[in-house]
C-alpha atoms as a PDB file:
ATOM      1  CA  UNK A   1      -3.692  -1.911  11.930  1.00  0.00           C
ATOM      2  CA  UNK A   2      -5.676  -2.712   8.751  1.00  0.00           C
ATOM      3  CA  UNK A   3      -3.509  -2.284   6.026  1.00  0.00           C
ATOM      4  CA  UNK A   4      -5.674  -1.729   2.505  1.00  0.00           C
ATOM      5  CA  UNK A   5      -4.218  -3.199  -0.247  1.00  0.00           C
ATOM      6  CA  UNK A   6      -5.786  -2.498  -4.038  1.00  0.00           C
ATOM      7  CA  UNK A   7      -3.275  -3.620  -6.090  1.00  0.00           C
ATOM      8  CA  UNK A   8      -4.748  -2.199  -9.232  1.00  0.00           C
ATOM      9  CA  UNK A   9      -5.668   1.688  -8.094  1.00  0.00           C
ATOM     10  CA  UNK A  10      -1.625   1.726  -6.543  1.00  0.00           C
ATOM     11  CA  UNK A  11      -0.366   1.004 -10.356  1.00  0.00           C
ATOM     12  CA  UNK A  12      -3.196   3.824 -11.538  1.00  0.00           C
ATOM     13  CA  UNK A  13      -1.806   6.356  -9.499  1.00  0.00           C
ATOM     14  CA  UNK A  14       1.757   5.181  -9.551  1.00  0.00           C
ATOM     15  CA  UNK A  15       1.211   4.983 -13.143  1.00  0.00           C
ATOM     16  CA  UNK A  16      -0.085   8.946 -12.725  1.00  0.00           C
ATOM     17  CA  UNK A  17       2.946  10.198 -10.321  1.00  0.00           C
ATOM     18  CA  UNK A  18       4.662  10.921 -13.499  1.00  0.00           C
ATOM     19  CA  UNK A  19       4.786  13.929 -15.689  1.00  0.00           C
ATOM     20  CA  UNK A  20       5.521  11.912 -18.941  1.00  0.00           C
ATOM     21  CA  UNK A  21       3.539   9.731 -18.200  1.00  0.00           C
ATOM     22  CA  UNK A  22       0.910  11.934 -17.756  1.00  0.00           C
ATOM     23  CA  UNK A  23       1.956  13.342 -21.644  1.00  0.00           C
ATOM     24  CA  UNK A  24       1.712  10.301 -22.982  1.00  0.00           C
ATOM     25  CA  UNK A  25      -1.724   9.676 -21.909  1.00  0.00           C
ATOM     26  CA  UNK A  26      -3.128  13.009 -22.738  1.00  0.00           C
ATOM     27  CA  UNK A  27      -1.153  12.864 -26.075  1.00  0.00           C
ATOM     28  CA  UNK A  28      -3.295   9.724 -26.524  1.00  0.00           C
ATOM     29  CA  UNK A  29      -6.266  11.538 -25.811  1.00  0.00           C
ATOM     30  CA  UNK A  30      -6.903  13.360 -29.208  1.00  0.00           C
ATOM     31  CA  UNK A  31      -5.873  10.549 -30.996  1.00  0.00           C
ATOM     32  CA  UNK A  32      -7.053   6.891 -32.341  1.00  0.00           C
ATOM     33  CA  UNK A  33      -4.463   5.639 -32.300  1.00  0.00           C
ATOM     34  CA  UNK A  34      -0.392   6.378 -32.300  1.00  0.00           C
ATOM     35  CA  UNK A  35       2.247   3.781 -33.460  1.00  0.00           C
ATOM     36  CA  UNK A  36       5.429   4.354 -29.886  1.00  0.00           C
ATOM     37  CA  UNK A  37       7.420   6.488 -32.741  1.00  0.00           C
ATOM     38  CA  UNK A  38       5.503   8.746 -33.557  1.00  0.00           C
ATOM     39  CA  UNK A  39       4.134   9.120 -29.645  1.00  0.00           C
ATOM     40  CA  UNK A  40       7.913   9.595 -28.772  1.00  0.00           C
ATOM     41  CA  UNK A  41       8.822  12.211 -31.060  1.00  0.00           C
ATOM     42  CA  UNK A  42       7.590  15.405 -28.877  1.00  0.00           C
ATOM     43  CA  UNK A  43       9.677  13.811 -26.008  1.00  0.00           C
ATOM     44  CA  UNK A  44      13.599  14.818 -25.439  1.00  0.00           C
ATOM     45  CA  UNK A  45      14.007  11.384 -23.812  1.00  0.00           C
ATOM     46  CA  UNK A  46      15.314   8.256 -25.759  1.00  0.00           C
ATOM     47  CA  UNK A  47      13.105   5.615 -26.983  1.00  0.00           C
ATOM     48  CA  UNK A  48      14.073   2.994 -24.432  1.00  0.00           C
ATOM     49  CA  UNK A  49      13.007   5.638 -21.859  1.00  0.00           C
ATOM     50  CA  UNK A  50       9.787   5.440 -23.159  1.00  0.00           C
ATOM     51  CA  UNK A  51       9.172   2.285 -24.228  1.00  0.00           C
ATOM     52  CA  UNK A  52       9.726   1.918 -20.394  1.00  0.00           C
ATOM     53  CA  UNK A  53       6.743   4.142 -19.705  1.00  0.00           C
ATOM     54  CA  UNK A  54       4.459   2.988 -21.164  1.00  0.00           C
ATOM     55  CA  UNK A  55       5.454  -0.398 -19.848  1.00  0.00           C
ATOM     56  CA  UNK A  56       3.712   1.006 -16.704  1.00  0.00           C
ATOM     57  CA  UNK A  57       1.052   2.650 -18.326  1.00  0.00           C
ATOM     58  CA  UNK A  58       0.509  -0.979 -20.205  1.00  0.00           C
ATOM     59  CA  UNK A  59       0.552  -2.723 -15.856  1.00  0.00           C
ATOM     60  CA  UNK A  60      -1.900  -0.107 -15.526  1.00  0.00           C
ATOM     61  CA  UNK A  61      -4.297  -0.923 -17.242  1.00  0.00           C
ATOM     62  CA  UNK A  62      -3.980   2.675 -19.125  1.00  0.00           C
ATOM     63  CA  UNK A  63      -2.803   1.636 -22.823  1.00  0.00           C
ATOM     64  CA  UNK A  64      -2.670  -1.388 -24.778  1.00  0.00           C
ATOM     65  CA  UNK A  65      -0.684  -1.935 -28.274  1.00  0.00           C
ATOM     66  CA  UNK A  66      -1.695  -3.637 -30.913  1.00  0.00           C
ATOM     67  CA  UNK A  67       1.122  -4.703 -33.853  1.00  0.00           C
ATOM     68  CA  UNK A  68       0.359  -4.519 -37.111  1.00  0.00           C
ATOM     69  CA  UNK A  69       3.267  -5.534 -39.505  1.00  0.00           C
ATOM     70  CA  UNK A  70       6.597  -3.675 -37.337  1.00  0.00           C
ATOM     71  CA  UNK A  71       4.222  -0.296 -36.404  1.00  0.00           C
ATOM     72  CA  UNK A  72       3.411  -0.831 -32.654  1.00  0.00           C
ATOM     73  CA  UNK A  73       0.169   1.380 -32.370  1.00  0.00           C
ATOM     74  CA  UNK A  74      -0.789   2.288 -28.385  1.00  0.00           C
ATOM     75  CA  UNK A  75      -4.520   2.814 -27.883  1.00  0.00           C
ATOM     76  CA  UNK A  76      -5.638   5.266 -23.863  1.00  0.00           C
ATOM     77  CA  UNK A  77      -7.469   2.694 -21.707  1.00  0.00           C
ATOM     78  CA  UNK A  78      -9.609   5.149 -19.755  1.00  0.00           C
ATOM     79  CA  UNK A  79     -11.862   2.775 -18.154  1.00  0.00           C
ATOM     80  CA  UNK A  80      -9.260   1.731 -16.003  1.00  0.00           C
ATOM     81  CA  UNK A  81      -9.496   6.070 -14.585  1.00  0.00           C
ATOM     82  CA  UNK A  82     -12.783   5.272 -13.632  1.00  0.00           C
ATOM     83  CA  UNK A  83     -11.563   3.129 -11.342  1.00  0.00           C
ATOM     84  CA  UNK A  84      -9.375   5.795  -9.841  1.00  0.00           C
ATOM     85  CA  UNK A  85     -12.307   8.749 -10.187  1.00  0.00           C
ATOM     86  CA  UNK A  86     -14.408   6.813  -8.062  1.00  0.00           C
ATOM     87  CA  UNK A  87     -11.680   6.504  -5.139  1.00  0.00           C
ATOM     88  CA  UNK A  88     -10.562  10.027  -5.231  1.00  0.00           C
ATOM     89  CA  UNK A  89     -15.070  10.982  -5.734  1.00  0.00           C
ATOM     90  CA  UNK A  90     -15.076   9.676  -2.038  1.00  0.00           C
ATOM     91  CA  UNK A  91     -12.872  12.162  -0.395  1.00  0.00           C
ATOM     92  CA  UNK A  92     -13.953  14.799  -2.611  1.00  0.00           C
ATOM     93  CA  UNK A  93     -16.874  15.663   0.341  1.00  0.00           C
ATOM     94  CA  UNK A  94     -14.563  15.900   2.458  1.00  0.00           C
ATOM     95  CA  UNK A  95     -12.473  18.148   1.096  1.00  0.00           C
ATOM     96  CA  UNK A  96     -15.375  20.984  -0.490  1.00  0.00           C
ATOM     97  CA  UNK A  97     -16.534  20.963   3.041  1.00  0.00           C
ATOM     98  CA  UNK A  98     -13.052  21.719   4.699  1.00  0.00           C
ATOM     99  CA  UNK A  99     -12.657  23.918   2.135  1.00  0.00           C
ATOM    100  CA  UNK A 100     -16.070  25.859   2.518  1.00  0.00           C
ATOM    101  CA  UNK A 101     -14.982  26.169   5.980  1.00  0.00           C
ATOM    102  CA  UNK A 102     -12.014  28.023   5.331  1.00  0.00           C
ATOM    103  CA  UNK A 103     -12.953  30.112   2.333  1.00  0.00           C
ATOM    104  CA  UNK A 104     -15.723  30.982   5.202  1.00  0.00           C
ATOM    105  CA  UNK A 105     -12.971  31.687   7.968  1.00  0.00           C
ATOM    106  CA  UNK A 106     -11.309  33.552   5.589  1.00  0.00           C
ATOM    107  CA  UNK A 107     -14.221  36.413   4.269  1.00  0.00           C
ATOM    108  CA  UNK A 108     -15.436  36.851   8.053  1.00  0.00           C
ATOM    109  CA  UNK A 109     -11.845  37.884   9.435  1.00  0.00           C
ATOM    110  CA  UNK A 110     -11.232  41.374  10.146  1.00  0.00           C
ATOM    111  CA  UNK A 111      -8.725  42.416   6.465  1.00  0.00           C
ATOM    112  CA  UNK A 112      -5.426  40.948   8.050  1.00  0.00           C
ATOM    113  CA  UNK A 113      -2.357  40.880   5.285  1.00  0.00           C
ATOM    114  CA  UNK A 114      -2.262  36.770   5.368  1.00  0.00           C
ATOM    115  CA  UNK A 115       0.855  37.892   2.804  1.00  0.00           C
ATOM    116  CA  UNK A 116       4.902  36.076   2.937  1.00  0.00           C
ATOM    117  CA  UNK A 117       5.872  38.926   4.241  1.00  0.00           C
ATOM    118  CA  UNK A 118       3.856  38.877   7.391  1.00  0.00           C
ATOM    119  CA  UNK A 119       4.637  35.172   7.924  1.00  0.00           C
ATOM    120  CA  UNK A 120       7.923  35.257   7.248  1.00  0.00           C
ATOM    121  CA  UNK A 121       8.040  37.470   9.833  1.00  0.00           C
ATOM    122  CA  UNK A 122       6.790  36.721  12.528  1.00  0.00           C
ATOM    123  CA  UNK A 123       8.586  33.856  12.171  1.00  0.00           C
ATOM    124  CA  UNK A 124      11.650  35.464  12.595  1.00  0.00           C
ATOM    125  CA  UNK A 125      12.964  38.260  13.719  1.00  0.00           C
ATOM    126  CA  UNK A 126      15.436  40.897  11.852  1.00  0.00           C
ATOM    127  CA  UNK A 127      18.399  40.190  13.146  1.00  0.00           C
ATOM    128  CA  UNK A 128      22.070  42.699  12.373  1.00  0.00           C
ATOM    129  CA  UNK A 129      24.081  41.933   9.906  1.00  0.00           C
ATOM    130  CA  UNK A 130      27.150  40.594  11.001  1.00  0.00           C
ATOM    131  CA  UNK A 131      30.225  42.978  10.281  1.00  0.00           C
ATOM    132  CA  UNK A 132      33.829  41.910   8.542  1.00  0.00           C
ATOM    133  CA  UNK A 133      36.788  40.808  11.155  1.00  0.00           C
ATOM    134  CA  UNK A 134      40.070  42.920  10.019  1.00  0.00           C
ATOM    135  CA  UNK A 135      42.664  41.116  10.124  1.00  0.00           C
ATOM    136  CA  UNK A 136      45.497  41.692  12.271  1.00  0.00           C
END
């Protein structure tokens, strides 16, 4: 078996897997730099939790930190995301082709209801409700 390891790519996708980290990156997107306290302000998590998220983002190369006096500023470092986008774009044609075929299939299908009721009724037939037994 061939094992393909790209540690940088693994770190990027791992960092982007968490919704809080994605939200932190989104906050940095429109800003030149934010202090850690300003960045953490809208989140309902503790400052140490935010620091752990920032460590993961920093390890993946998605942010940089700069200390000026007692203030640490955080900046978005978007270049590593280009590496992830290159990897994803290799598979884009694969999924686009399959989705196009699925759309053609659905459009060519006769008027059939593919809703959840139809799917559920095909899987499990209706059963009679159990009746309560009276105690002797």
